C-alpha atoms as a PDB file:
ATOM      1  CA  MET A   1      58.834 -63.748 -20.284  1.00  0.00           C
ATOM      2  CA  SER A   2      56.300 -61.019 -21.881  1.00  0.00           C
ATOM      3  CA  THR A   3      55.893 -60.439 -25.090  1.00  0.00           C
ATOM      4  CA  GLY A   4      58.179 -57.978 -25.802  1.00  0.00           C
ATOM      5  CA  GLN A   5      60.850 -59.578 -23.755  1.00  0.00           C
ATOM      6  CA  ARG A   6      60.192 -62.778 -25.979  1.00  0.00           C
ATOM      7  CA  ALA A   7      60.493 -60.864 -29.226  1.00  0.00           C
ATOM      8  CA  LEU A   8      63.860 -59.641 -28.130  1.00  0.00           C
ATOM      9  CA  PHE A   9      65.102 -63.075 -27.381  1.00  0.00           C
ATOM     10  CA  HIS A  10      64.428 -64.231 -30.284  1.00  0.00           C
ATOM     11  CA  SER A  11      66.280 -61.122 -32.131  1.00  0.00           C
ATOM     12  CA  ALA A  12      69.087 -61.616 -30.528  1.00  0.00           C
ATOM     13  CA  ARG A  13      69.401 -65.914 -30.945  1.00  0.00           C
ATOM     14  CA  THR A  14      69.042 -64.949 -34.320  1.00  0.00           C
ATOM     15  CA  ALA A  15      71.753 -62.366 -34.809  1.00  0.00           C
ATOM     16  CA  ALA A  16      73.861 -64.617 -32.821  1.00  0.00           C
ATOM     17  CA  SER A  17      73.207 -67.530 -34.981  1.00  0.00           C
ATOM     18  CA  LEU A  18      74.225 -65.537 -38.293  1.00  0.00           C
ATOM     19  CA  THR A  19      77.289 -64.489 -36.650  1.00  0.00           C
ATOM     20  CA  ASP A  20      78.693 -67.921 -35.761  1.00  0.00           C
ATOM     21  CA  MET A  21      77.403 -69.334 -39.012  1.00  0.00           C
ATOM     22  CA  ALA A  22      80.904 -69.850 -41.505  1.00  0.00           C
ATOM     23  CA  PRO A  23      79.627 -69.384 -44.943  1.00  0.00           C
ATOM     24  CA  ASP A  24      82.469 -70.102 -47.662  1.00  0.00           C
ATOM     25  CA  PRO A  25      83.816 -66.670 -48.135  1.00  0.00           C
ATOM     26  CA  GLY A  26      82.301 -64.856 -50.770  1.00  0.00           C
ATOM     27  CA  GLN A  27      79.967 -66.919 -51.355  1.00  0.00           C
ATOM     28  CA  HIS A  28      76.097 -65.966 -50.396  1.00  0.00           C
ATOM     29  CA  SER A  29      73.869 -68.793 -50.753  1.00  0.00           C
ATOM     30  CA  TRP A  30      73.542 -69.041 -47.668  1.00  0.00           C
ATOM     31  CA  GLN A  31      72.007 -65.856 -46.978  1.00  0.00           C
ATOM     32  CA  GLN A  32      68.938 -67.025 -48.947  1.00  0.00           C
ATOM     33  CA  GLN A  33      67.629 -68.995 -45.819  1.00  0.00           C
ATOM     34  CA  TYR A  34      66.914 -65.800 -43.896  1.00  0.00           C
ATOM     35  CA  SER A  35      65.329 -62.588 -44.233  1.00  0.00           C
ATOM     36  CA  TRP A  36      67.483 -59.303 -45.435  1.00  0.00           C
ATOM     37  CA  GLN A  37      66.083 -57.412 -42.361  1.00  0.00           C
ATOM     38  CA  GLN A  38      68.270 -60.549 -40.243  1.00  0.00           C
ATOM     39  CA  ILE A  39      71.075 -60.513 -42.702  1.00  0.00           C
ATOM     40  CA  ALA A  40      71.082 -56.614 -42.274  1.00  0.00           C
ATOM     41  CA  ASP A  41      71.275 -56.982 -38.571  1.00  0.00           C
ATOM     42  CA  SER A  42      73.791 -59.672 -38.230  1.00  0.00           C
ATOM     43  CA  GLN A  43      76.033 -56.970 -40.249  1.00  0.00           C
ATOM     44  CA  CYS A  44      75.852 -53.645 -38.269  1.00  0.00           C
ATOM     45  CA  GLY A  45      72.867 -52.846 -40.289  1.00  0.00           C
ATOM     46  CA  VAL A  46      74.365 -53.096 -43.693  1.00  0.00           C
ATOM     47  CA  ILE A  47      72.712 -55.301 -46.784  1.00  0.00           C
ATOM     48  CA  ALA A  48      73.970 -55.342 -50.532  1.00  0.00           C
ATOM     49  CA  VAL A  49      71.079 -53.725 -52.747  1.00  0.00           C
ATOM     50  CA  ARG A  50      70.696 -56.548 -54.482  1.00  0.00           C
ATOM     51  CA  ALA A  51      69.568 -58.618 -51.706  1.00  0.00           C
ATOM     52  CA  VAL A  52      67.031 -56.342 -50.904  1.00  0.00           C
ATOM     53  CA  VAL A  53      65.698 -55.891 -53.760  1.00  0.00           C
ATOM     54  CA  ALA A  54      65.631 -59.704 -54.260  1.00  0.00           C
ATOM     55  CA  ALA A  55      63.599 -60.123 -50.976  1.00  0.00           C
ATOM     56  CA  GLY A  56      61.000 -57.678 -52.957  1.00  0.00           C
ATOM     57  CA  THR A  57      61.383 -54.412 -52.269  1.00  0.00           C
ATOM     58  CA  SER A  58      60.862 -52.008 -54.511  1.00  0.00           C
ATOM     59  CA  ARG A  59      63.429 -49.514 -55.732  1.00  0.00           C
ATOM     60  CA  SER A  60      61.231 -46.779 -55.180  1.00  0.00           C
ATOM     61  CA  THR A  61      61.028 -47.792 -51.601  1.00  0.00           C
ATOM     62  CA  ILE A  62      65.358 -48.161 -51.682  1.00  0.00           C
ATOM     63  CA  HIS A  63      65.336 -44.210 -52.940  1.00  0.00           C
ATOM     64  CA  ARG A  64      62.994 -42.882 -50.587  1.00  0.00           C
ATOM     65  CA  GLN A  65      64.651 -44.833 -47.370  1.00  0.00           C
ATOM     66  CA  VAL A  66      67.657 -43.433 -48.807  1.00  0.00           C
ATOM     67  CA  ARG A  67      66.256 -39.645 -49.454  1.00  0.00           C
ATOM     68  CA  THR A  68      64.569 -39.265 -45.980  1.00  0.00           C
ATOM     69  CA  GLY A  69      67.703 -39.969 -43.999  1.00  0.00           C
ATOM     70  CA  ARG A  70      66.736 -43.164 -42.708  1.00  0.00           C
ATOM     71  CA  TRP A  71      68.980 -45.530 -44.567  1.00  0.00           C
ATOM     72  CA  GLN A  72      72.736 -44.632 -46.102  1.00  0.00           C
ATOM     73  CA  ARG A  73      74.165 -45.447 -49.596  1.00  0.00           C
ATOM     74  CA  PRO A  74      77.846 -45.185 -48.751  1.00  0.00           C
ATOM     75  CA  MET A  75      78.910 -47.101 -51.544  1.00  0.00           C
ATOM     76  CA  ALA A  76      77.475 -48.488 -54.894  1.00  0.00           C
ATOM     77  CA  GLY A  77      75.560 -51.209 -54.649  1.00  0.00           C
ATOM     78  CA  VAL A  78      75.118 -51.710 -50.745  1.00  0.00           C
ATOM     79  CA  LEU A  79      72.734 -49.867 -47.781  1.00  0.00           C
ATOM     80  CA  VAL A  80      73.565 -48.878 -44.333  1.00  0.00           C
ATOM     81  CA  THR A  81      69.752 -49.077 -42.527  1.00  0.00           C
ATOM     82  CA  ARG A  82      70.959 -47.393 -40.079  1.00  0.00           C
ATOM     83  CA  PRO A  83      70.373 -43.359 -39.892  1.00  0.00           C
ATOM     84  CA  GLN A  84      73.959 -42.776 -37.414  1.00  0.00           C
ATOM     85  CA  PRO A  85      77.384 -41.851 -38.616  1.00  0.00           C
ATOM     86  CA  LEU A  86      78.979 -44.640 -39.274  1.00  0.00           C
ATOM     87  CA  THR A  87      81.426 -46.841 -37.145  1.00  0.00           C
ATOM     88  CA  ARG A  88      84.663 -48.567 -39.066  1.00  0.00           C
ATOM     89  CA  MET A  89      82.520 -52.145 -38.548  1.00  0.00           C
ATOM     90  CA  GLN A  90      80.013 -50.673 -40.867  1.00  0.00           C
ATOM     91  CA  LEU A  91      82.777 -49.111 -43.329  1.00  0.00           C
ATOM     92  CA  LEU A  92      84.856 -53.074 -43.487  1.00  0.00           C
ATOM     93  CA  TRP A  93      80.936 -54.586 -44.045  1.00  0.00           C
ATOM     94  CA  CYS A  94      80.212 -52.046 -46.866  1.00  0.00           C
ATOM     95  CA  ALA A  95      83.350 -52.561 -48.433  1.00  0.00           C
ATOM     96  CA  VAL A  96      82.931 -56.134 -48.465  1.00  0.00           C
ATOM     97  CA  GLU A  97      79.459 -56.302 -49.329  1.00  0.00           C
ATOM     98  CA  SER A  98      79.669 -53.727 -52.045  1.00  0.00           C
ATOM     99  CA  ILE A  99      82.538 -55.429 -53.886  1.00  0.00           C
ATOM    100  CA  GLY A 100      80.776 -58.539 -54.058  1.00  0.00           C
ATOM    101  CA  PRO A 101      81.367 -62.277 -53.985  1.00  0.00           C
ATOM    102  CA  HIS A 102      84.782 -63.676 -52.935  1.00  0.00           C
ATOM    103  CA  ALA A 103      86.118 -59.685 -51.401  1.00  0.00           C
ATOM    104  CA  VAL A 104      87.544 -60.154 -47.892  1.00  0.00           C
ATOM    105  CA  VAL A 105      88.965 -57.862 -45.179  1.00  0.00           C
ATOM    106  CA  GLY A 106      93.036 -57.803 -45.308  1.00  0.00           C
ATOM    107  CA  GLY A 107      96.075 -56.523 -44.807  1.00  0.00           C
ATOM    108  CA  ALA A 108      96.156 -53.709 -41.711  1.00  0.00           C
ATOM    109  CA  SER A 109      92.175 -53.531 -41.779  1.00  0.00           C
ATOM    110  CA  ALA A 110      92.277 -57.253 -40.800  1.00  0.00           C
ATOM    111  CA  ALA A 111      95.499 -57.310 -38.995  1.00  0.00           C
ATOM    112  CA  ALA A 112      93.734 -54.251 -36.627  1.00  0.00           C
ATOM    113  CA  MET A 113      90.523 -56.670 -36.690  1.00  0.00           C
ATOM    114  CA  GLY A 114      92.765 -59.171 -34.846  1.00  0.00           C
ATOM    115  CA  GLY A 115      94.002 -56.844 -32.179  1.00  0.00           C
ATOM    116  CA  LEU A 116      97.249 -55.656 -33.860  1.00  0.00           C
ATOM    117  CA  ARG A 117      98.503 -52.293 -32.157  1.00  0.00           C
ATOM    118  CA  GLY A 118      99.786 -48.862 -32.988  1.00  0.00           C
ATOM    119  CA  PHE A 119      98.809 -48.706 -36.410  1.00  0.00           C
ATOM    120  CA  ASP A 120      96.847 -46.560 -38.198  1.00  0.00           C
ATOM    121  CA  ASP A 121      95.491 -46.858 -41.151  1.00  0.00           C
ATOM    122  CA  GLU A 122      92.147 -44.801 -42.179  1.00  0.00           C
ATOM    123  CA  HIS A 123      91.146 -46.968 -45.191  1.00  0.00           C
ATOM    124  CA  VAL A 124      89.666 -50.149 -45.739  1.00  0.00           C
ATOM    125  CA  THR A 125      91.701 -52.917 -47.475  1.00  0.00           C
ATOM    126  CA  ILE A 126      90.234 -55.409 -49.196  1.00  0.00           C
ATOM    127  CA  VAL A 127      91.738 -58.382 -51.063  1.00  0.00           C
ATOM    128  CA  VAL A 128      90.011 -59.767 -53.982  1.00  0.00           C
ATOM    129  CA  PRO A 129      91.169 -62.988 -56.722  1.00  0.00           C
ATOM    130  CA  ALA A 130      93.210 -62.561 -59.143  1.00  0.00           C
ATOM    131  CA  GLY A 131      91.586 -61.506 -62.865  1.00  0.00           C
ATOM    132  CA  ARG A 132      88.633 -59.532 -60.774  1.00  0.00           C
ATOM    133  CA  TYR A 133      88.922 -55.674 -61.578  1.00  0.00           C
ATOM    134  CA  PRO A 134      85.994 -54.186 -59.156  1.00  0.00           C
ATOM    135  CA  ALA A 135      85.298 -50.358 -59.576  1.00  0.00           C
ATOM    136  CA  PRO A 136      86.960 -47.860 -57.140  1.00  0.00           C
ATOM    137  CA  ARG A 137      85.271 -47.231 -53.979  1.00  0.00           C
ATOM    138  CA  PRO A 138      85.792 -44.329 -51.919  1.00  0.00           C
ATOM    139  CA  GLY A 139      88.435 -44.680 -48.761  1.00  0.00           C
ATOM    140  CA  VAL A 140      88.940 -48.413 -50.017  1.00  0.00           C
ATOM    141  CA  VAL A 141      92.680 -49.905 -51.296  1.00  0.00           C
ATOM    142  CA  ILE A 142      91.959 -52.848 -52.975  1.00  0.00           C
ATOM    143  CA  HIS A 143      94.828 -55.519 -53.898  1.00  0.00           C
ATOM    144  CA  HIS A 144      94.720 -58.800 -55.930  1.00  0.00           C
ATOM    145  CA  SER A 145      95.651 -62.353 -55.047  1.00  0.00           C
ATOM    146  CA  ALA A 146      95.862 -65.593 -56.382  1.00  0.00           C
ATOM    147  CA  ARG A 147      96.209 -67.358 -53.011  1.00  0.00           C
ATOM    148  CA  LEU A 148      92.830 -66.654 -51.523  1.00  0.00           C
ATOM    149  CA  ASP A 149      91.615 -70.067 -50.578  1.00  0.00           C
ATOM    150  CA  SER A 150      90.752 -71.914 -46.807  1.00  0.00           C
ATOM    151  CA  ASP A 151      93.766 -71.746 -45.959  1.00  0.00           C
ATOM    152  CA  ALA A 152      94.391 -67.816 -46.780  1.00  0.00           C
ATOM    153  CA  VAL A 153      91.329 -66.762 -45.510  1.00  0.00           C
ATOM    154  CA  HIS A 154      89.894 -67.499 -41.897  1.00  0.00           C
ATOM    155  CA  PRO A 155      86.937 -69.880 -41.694  1.00  0.00           C
ATOM    156  CA  HIS A 156      84.359 -68.544 -39.448  1.00  0.00           C
ATOM    157  CA  LEU A 157      84.719 -64.737 -38.337  1.00  0.00           C
ATOM    158  CA  ARG A 158      82.658 -62.268 -40.081  1.00  0.00           C
ATOM    159  CA  PRO A 159      82.841 -59.991 -42.152  1.00  0.00           C
ATOM    160  CA  PRO A 160      85.560 -62.140 -44.076  1.00  0.00           C
ATOM    161  CA  ARG A 161      89.005 -61.276 -43.754  1.00  0.00           C
ATOM    162  CA  THR A 162      92.503 -63.656 -44.221  1.00  0.00           C
ATOM    163  CA  ARG A 163      94.160 -65.145 -41.181  1.00  0.00           C
ATOM    164  CA  LEU A 164      96.039 -62.557 -38.852  1.00  0.00           C
ATOM    165  CA  ALA A 165      99.608 -64.545 -39.830  1.00  0.00           C
ATOM    166  CA  ARG A 166      98.561 -63.630 -43.624  1.00  0.00           C
ATOM    167  CA  SER A 167      97.154 -60.471 -42.986  1.00  0.00           C
ATOM    168  CA  VAL A 168     100.699 -59.154 -41.173  1.00  0.00           C
ATOM    169  CA  VAL A 169     102.607 -60.730 -44.084  1.00  0.00           C
ATOM    170  CA  ASP A 170     100.562 -58.878 -46.414  1.00  0.00           C
ATOM    171  CA  MET A 171     100.497 -55.634 -44.676  1.00  0.00           C
ATOM    172  CA  ALA A 172     104.454 -55.568 -44.082  1.00  0.00           C
ATOM    173  CA  GLY A 173     104.593 -56.562 -48.003  1.00  0.00           C
ATOM    174  CA  TRP A 174     102.395 -53.742 -49.135  1.00  0.00           C
ATOM    175  CA  ALA A 175     104.451 -51.144 -46.632  1.00  0.00           C
ATOM    176  CA  ARG A 176     105.747 -47.990 -48.538  1.00  0.00           C
ATOM    177  CA  ARG A 177     109.399 -48.453 -46.737  1.00  0.00           C
ATOM    178  CA  PRO A 178     111.664 -51.055 -46.414  1.00  0.00           C
ATOM    179  CA  GLU A 179     112.250 -50.246 -42.736  1.00  0.00           C
ATOM    180  CA  ALA A 180     108.884 -50.129 -41.457  1.00  0.00           C
ATOM    181  CA  VAL A 181     108.621 -54.034 -42.174  1.00  0.00           C
ATOM    182  CA  TYR A 182     110.378 -54.716 -38.899  1.00  0.00           C
ATOM    183  CA  ASP A 183     108.401 -52.765 -37.446  1.00  0.00           C
ATOM    184  CA  ILE A 184     104.929 -54.242 -38.498  1.00  0.00           C
ATOM    185  CA  ILE A 185     106.422 -57.814 -38.171  1.00  0.00           C
ATOM    186  CA  ALA A 186     108.231 -56.819 -34.706  1.00  0.00           C
ATOM    187  CA  SER A 187     104.969 -55.402 -33.324  1.00  0.00           C
ATOM    188  CA  ALA A 188     102.510 -58.570 -34.207  1.00  0.00           C
ATOM    189  CA  VAL A 189     105.025 -60.857 -32.312  1.00  0.00           C
ATOM    190  CA  ARG A 190     105.673 -58.617 -29.068  1.00  0.00           C
ATOM    191  CA  GLN A 191     101.912 -57.937 -28.636  1.00  0.00           C
ATOM    192  CA  ARG A 192     101.639 -61.994 -28.825  1.00  0.00           C
ATOM    193  CA  LEU A 193      98.726 -62.288 -32.066  1.00  0.00           C
ATOM    194  CA  VAL A 194     100.995 -64.730 -34.037  1.00  0.00           C
ATOM    195  CA  THR A 195     104.253 -66.807 -33.614  1.00  0.00           C
ATOM    196  CA  VAL A 196     107.807 -66.766 -35.771  1.00  0.00           C
ATOM    197  CA  GLY A 197     106.837 -70.157 -37.015  1.00  0.00           C
ATOM    198  CA  GLU A 198     103.351 -68.733 -38.122  1.00  0.00           C
ATOM    199  CA  LEU A 199     104.443 -65.831 -40.275  1.00  0.00           C
ATOM    200  CA  ARG A 200     107.385 -67.697 -41.832  1.00  0.00           C
ATOM    201  CA  ALA A 201     104.846 -70.735 -42.615  1.00  0.00           C
ATOM    202  CA  ALA A 202     101.960 -67.981 -44.378  1.00  0.00           C
ATOM    203  CA  THR A 203     104.890 -65.740 -46.341  1.00  0.00           C
ATOM    204  CA  GLY A 204     105.850 -69.143 -47.229  1.00  0.00           C
ATOM    205  CA  ALA A 205     102.497 -69.962 -48.549  1.00  0.00           C
ATOM    206  CA  ARG A 206     101.828 -66.326 -49.868  1.00  0.00           C
ATOM    207  CA  GLY A 207     104.221 -67.066 -52.956  1.00  0.00           C
ATOM    208  CA  PRO A 208     106.118 -63.976 -54.607  1.00  0.00           C
ATOM    209  CA  ILE A 209     105.130 -61.124 -52.926  1.00  0.00           C
ATOM    210  CA  PRO A 210     107.169 -57.727 -51.977  1.00  0.00           C
ATOM    211  CA  ARG A 211     109.693 -57.905 -50.027  1.00  0.00           C
ATOM    212  CA  LYS A 212     109.325 -61.785 -49.379  1.00  0.00           C
ATOM    213  CA  ASN A 213     113.435 -61.639 -48.537  1.00  0.00           C
ATOM    214  CA  LEU A 214     113.155 -58.792 -45.987  1.00  0.00           C
ATOM    215  CA  ILE A 215     109.983 -59.830 -44.183  1.00  0.00           C
ATOM    216  CA  LEU A 216     112.140 -63.358 -44.194  1.00  0.00           C
ATOM    217  CA  GLN A 217     114.942 -61.536 -43.198  1.00  0.00           C
ATOM    218  CA  VAL A 218     113.363 -59.868 -40.091  1.00  0.00           C
ATOM    219  CA  LEU A 219     112.146 -63.023 -39.066  1.00  0.00           C
ATOM    220  CA  GLY A 220     115.495 -65.222 -38.732  1.00  0.00           C
ATOM    221  CA  SER A 221     116.569 -61.963 -37.133  1.00  0.00           C
ATOM    222  CA  LEU A 222     113.199 -61.894 -34.152  1.00  0.00           C
ATOM    223  CA  GLU A 223     113.987 -66.333 -34.291  1.00  0.00           C
ATOM    224  CA  ALA A 224     117.992 -65.559 -33.587  1.00  0.00           C
ATOM    225  CA  ALA A 225     116.777 -63.073 -30.645  1.00  0.00           C
ATOM    226  CA  GLN A 226     114.668 -65.183 -29.150  1.00  0.00           C
ATOM    227  CA  VAL A 227     117.306 -68.109 -29.095  1.00  0.00           C
ATOM    228  CA  LEU A 228     119.724 -65.665 -27.436  1.00  0.00           C
ATOM    229  CA  SER A 229     117.147 -64.859 -25.137  1.00  0.00           C
ATOM    230  CA  GLY A 230     115.867 -68.587 -24.199  1.00  0.00           C
ATOM    231  CA  SER A 231     112.631 -68.391 -24.916  1.00  0.00           C
ATOM    232  CA  GLY A 232     110.726 -70.129 -27.742  1.00  0.00           C
ATOM    233  CA  ALA A 233     108.749 -68.684 -30.236  1.00  0.00           C
ATOM    234  CA  ALA A 234     105.303 -69.053 -28.439  1.00  0.00           C
ATOM    235  CA  SER A 235     106.576 -67.319 -25.097  1.00  0.00           C
ATOM    236  CA  ALA A 236     108.809 -64.920 -26.474  1.00  0.00           C
ATOM    237  CA  GLY A 237     108.814 -61.753 -24.389  1.00  0.00           C
ATOM    238  CA  PRO A 238     108.970 -57.581 -25.477  1.00  0.00           C
ATOM    239  CA  GLU A 239     112.773 -58.009 -24.882  1.00  0.00           C
ATOM    240  CA  ALA A 240     113.364 -60.533 -27.425  1.00  0.00           C
ATOM    241  CA  VAL A 241     112.467 -58.345 -29.861  1.00  0.00           C
ATOM    242  CA  ASP A 242     112.494 -55.032 -29.217  1.00  0.00           C
ATOM    243  CA  GLN A 243     116.182 -54.598 -30.355  1.00  0.00           C
ATOM    244  CA  PRO A 244     115.970 -53.274 -34.081  1.00  0.00           C
ATOM    245  CA  ALA A 245     117.388 -56.200 -36.628  1.00  0.00           C
ATOM    246  CA  PRO A 246     119.342 -54.948 -39.437  1.00  0.00           C
ATOM    247  CA  VAL A 247     117.836 -53.861 -42.744  1.00  0.00           C
ATOM    248  CA  THR A 248     119.044 -54.515 -46.299  1.00  0.00           C
ATOM    249  CA  THR A 249     117.432 -54.412 -49.548  1.00  0.00           C
ATOM    250  CA  SER A 250     116.933 -56.520 -52.263  1.00  0.00           C
ATOM    251  CA  ARG A 251     115.252 -56.832 -55.678  1.00  0.00           C
ATOM    252  CA  ASP A 252     112.200 -57.714 -54.609  1.00  0.00           C
ATOM    253  CA  ASP A 253     112.270 -54.855 -51.617  1.00  0.00           C
ATOM    254  CA  THR A 254     110.610 -52.420 -53.917  1.00  0.00           C
ATOM    255  CA  PRO A 255     107.618 -50.440 -52.973  1.00  0.00           C
ATOM    256  CA  PRO A 256     104.226 -52.262 -54.406  1.00  0.00           C
ATOM    257  CA  GLY A 257     101.638 -50.765 -56.340  1.00  0.00           C
ATOM    258  CA  ASP A 258     101.773 -48.098 -58.993  1.00  0.00           C
ATOM    259  CA  GLY A 259     102.084 -45.322 -56.629  1.00  0.00           C
ATOM    260  CA  ALA A 260      99.060 -45.877 -54.650  1.00  0.00           C
ATOM    261  CA  PRO A 261      99.140 -45.121 -51.047  1.00  0.00           C
ATOM    262  CA  CYS A 262      99.932 -48.242 -49.071  1.00  0.00           C
ATOM    263  CA  HIS A 263     100.200 -48.315 -45.042  1.00  0.00           C
ATOM    264  CA  ASP A 264     103.604 -46.881 -44.339  1.00  0.00           C
ATOM    265  CA  GLY A 265     104.214 -49.473 -41.204  1.00  0.00           C
ATOM    266  CA  VAL A 266     105.107 -46.567 -38.412  1.00  0.00           C
ATOM    267  CA  LEU A 267     104.520 -47.641 -35.529  1.00  0.00           C
ATOM    268  CA  ASN A 268     102.521 -45.236 -33.495  1.00  0.00           C
ATOM    269  CA  SER A 269     103.424 -45.064 -29.806  1.00  0.00           C
ATOM    270  CA  ALA A 270     101.223 -42.716 -28.523  1.00  0.00           C
ATOM    271  CA  ARG A 271      98.467 -45.522 -29.500  1.00  0.00           C
ATOM    272  CA  SER A 272     100.333 -48.628 -28.667  1.00  0.00           C
ATOM    273  CA  GLY A 273      98.872 -49.058 -26.043  1.00  0.00           C
ATOM    274  CA  ALA A 274      94.993 -48.681 -26.598  1.00  0.00           C
ATOM    275  CA  PRO A 275      93.012 -51.612 -25.870  1.00  0.00           C
ATOM    276  CA  SER A 276      92.097 -53.167 -29.320  1.00  0.00           C
ATOM    277  CA  GLY A 277      90.310 -56.659 -29.210  1.00  0.00           C
ATOM    278  CA  GLY A 278      87.677 -58.745 -30.384  1.00  0.00           C
ATOM    279  CA  LEU A 279      85.381 -58.014 -33.499  1.00  0.00           C
ATOM    280  CA  MET A 280      85.409 -54.406 -33.067  1.00  0.00           C
ATOM    281  CA  ILE A 281      87.881 -52.268 -33.642  1.00  0.00           C
ATOM    282  CA  PRO A 282      88.427 -49.165 -31.001  1.00  0.00           C
ATOM    283  CA  THR A 283      86.635 -45.669 -32.447  1.00  0.00           C
ATOM    284  CA  HIS A 284      89.622 -43.233 -31.417  1.00  0.00           C
ATOM    285  CA  GLU A 285      92.148 -45.420 -33.225  1.00  0.00           C
ATOM    286  CA  TYR A 286      90.751 -46.864 -36.182  1.00  0.00           C
ATOM    287  CA  GLY A 287      87.168 -45.157 -36.251  1.00  0.00           C
ATOM    288  CA  ARG A 288      87.388 -42.490 -38.539  1.00  0.00           C
ATOM    289  CA  SER A 289      85.016 -42.467 -41.365  1.00  0.00           C
ATOM    290  CA  ALA A 290      86.226 -42.496 -45.425  1.00  0.00           C
ATOM    291  CA  LEU A 291      85.290 -39.012 -45.686  1.00  0.00           C
ATOM    292  CA  SER A 292      88.020 -35.939 -45.347  1.00  0.00           C
ATOM    293  CA  SER A 293      87.709 -33.271 -43.038  1.00  0.00           C
ATOM    294  CA  THR A 294      85.649 -31.425 -45.787  1.00  0.00           C
ATOM    295  CA  GLY A 295      83.272 -33.915 -45.814  1.00  0.00           C
ATOM    296  CA  THR A 296      84.470 -35.560 -49.408  1.00  0.00           C
ATOM    297  CA  PRO A 297      85.651 -39.344 -49.984  1.00  0.00           C
ATOM    298  CA  LEU A 298      88.899 -40.664 -49.666  1.00  0.00           C
ATOM    299  CA  ALA A 299      89.705 -41.719 -52.948  1.00  0.00           C
ATOM    300  CA  SER A 300      90.034 -45.174 -53.773  1.00  0.00           C
ATOM    301  CA  HIS A 301      93.098 -47.576 -54.993  1.00  0.00           C
ATOM    302  CA  ARG A 302      93.918 -50.606 -56.707  1.00  0.00           C
ATOM    303  CA  ASP A 303      97.257 -52.809 -57.274  1.00  0.00           C
ATOM    304  CA  ARG A 304      97.993 -55.766 -58.475  1.00  0.00           C
ATOM    305  CA  THR A 305     100.399 -57.363 -55.655  1.00  0.00           C
END
């Protein structure tokens, strides 16, 4: 093996070891074991400014790299050490690293990473613990939750994100329209990403959330359809969940937030067959930058659900 091949093998092995790590969500002490270059490589080139400065790089060097276009600074406190246009994965990392400790990808963004197809959301959804009030970021929707323990956040996947069942439930709870709840829940079950039982458990663990009664009603309807079709929750085919459930609105089914745009949950049938699996998200469906057609940042939004 040549010197160049050995260096390439070592770099790949280091990146793999970082990716396979299971740090406590939001905790960054594990990063002290590695150089900032290794951390950036494992995060698609994204690194917090504080980590680069702590490693001994001067701020004047950082400014020079950004000014010459070698690096980018798309959000406050975060760098992208690559000059190419940002990918969706880089935007996710930027949001998590910019907002800082205990911030996790959630809702529609986490559900898309888990494989949910057919829903298009150009914003990055981030969940932070209740009591934290980070400043708005361009293209980022920030939600608050009092329940972000290990049962809610996946212990291994990076960037840190809420578990798939929790992500789907949150996505449904934050939907703008009541009728969108069925589309979201039924699609997740129909695509065999989660079971009705897993969604029911996640809803119960979520505590008081918008549209909780409606979510439970939809789950009951899907469960009844599975029983009538003779299939179990784990093996339900599309025919078991394709019929619309009757939707009624209760007092907890009011639109969430203070006017902040939430995912409306409309199933995009033209894209519902597009492949979307693993950690990377297809660029044709979720790869748009957090910039408008004019090149200006999209508005940031926050709520406290």
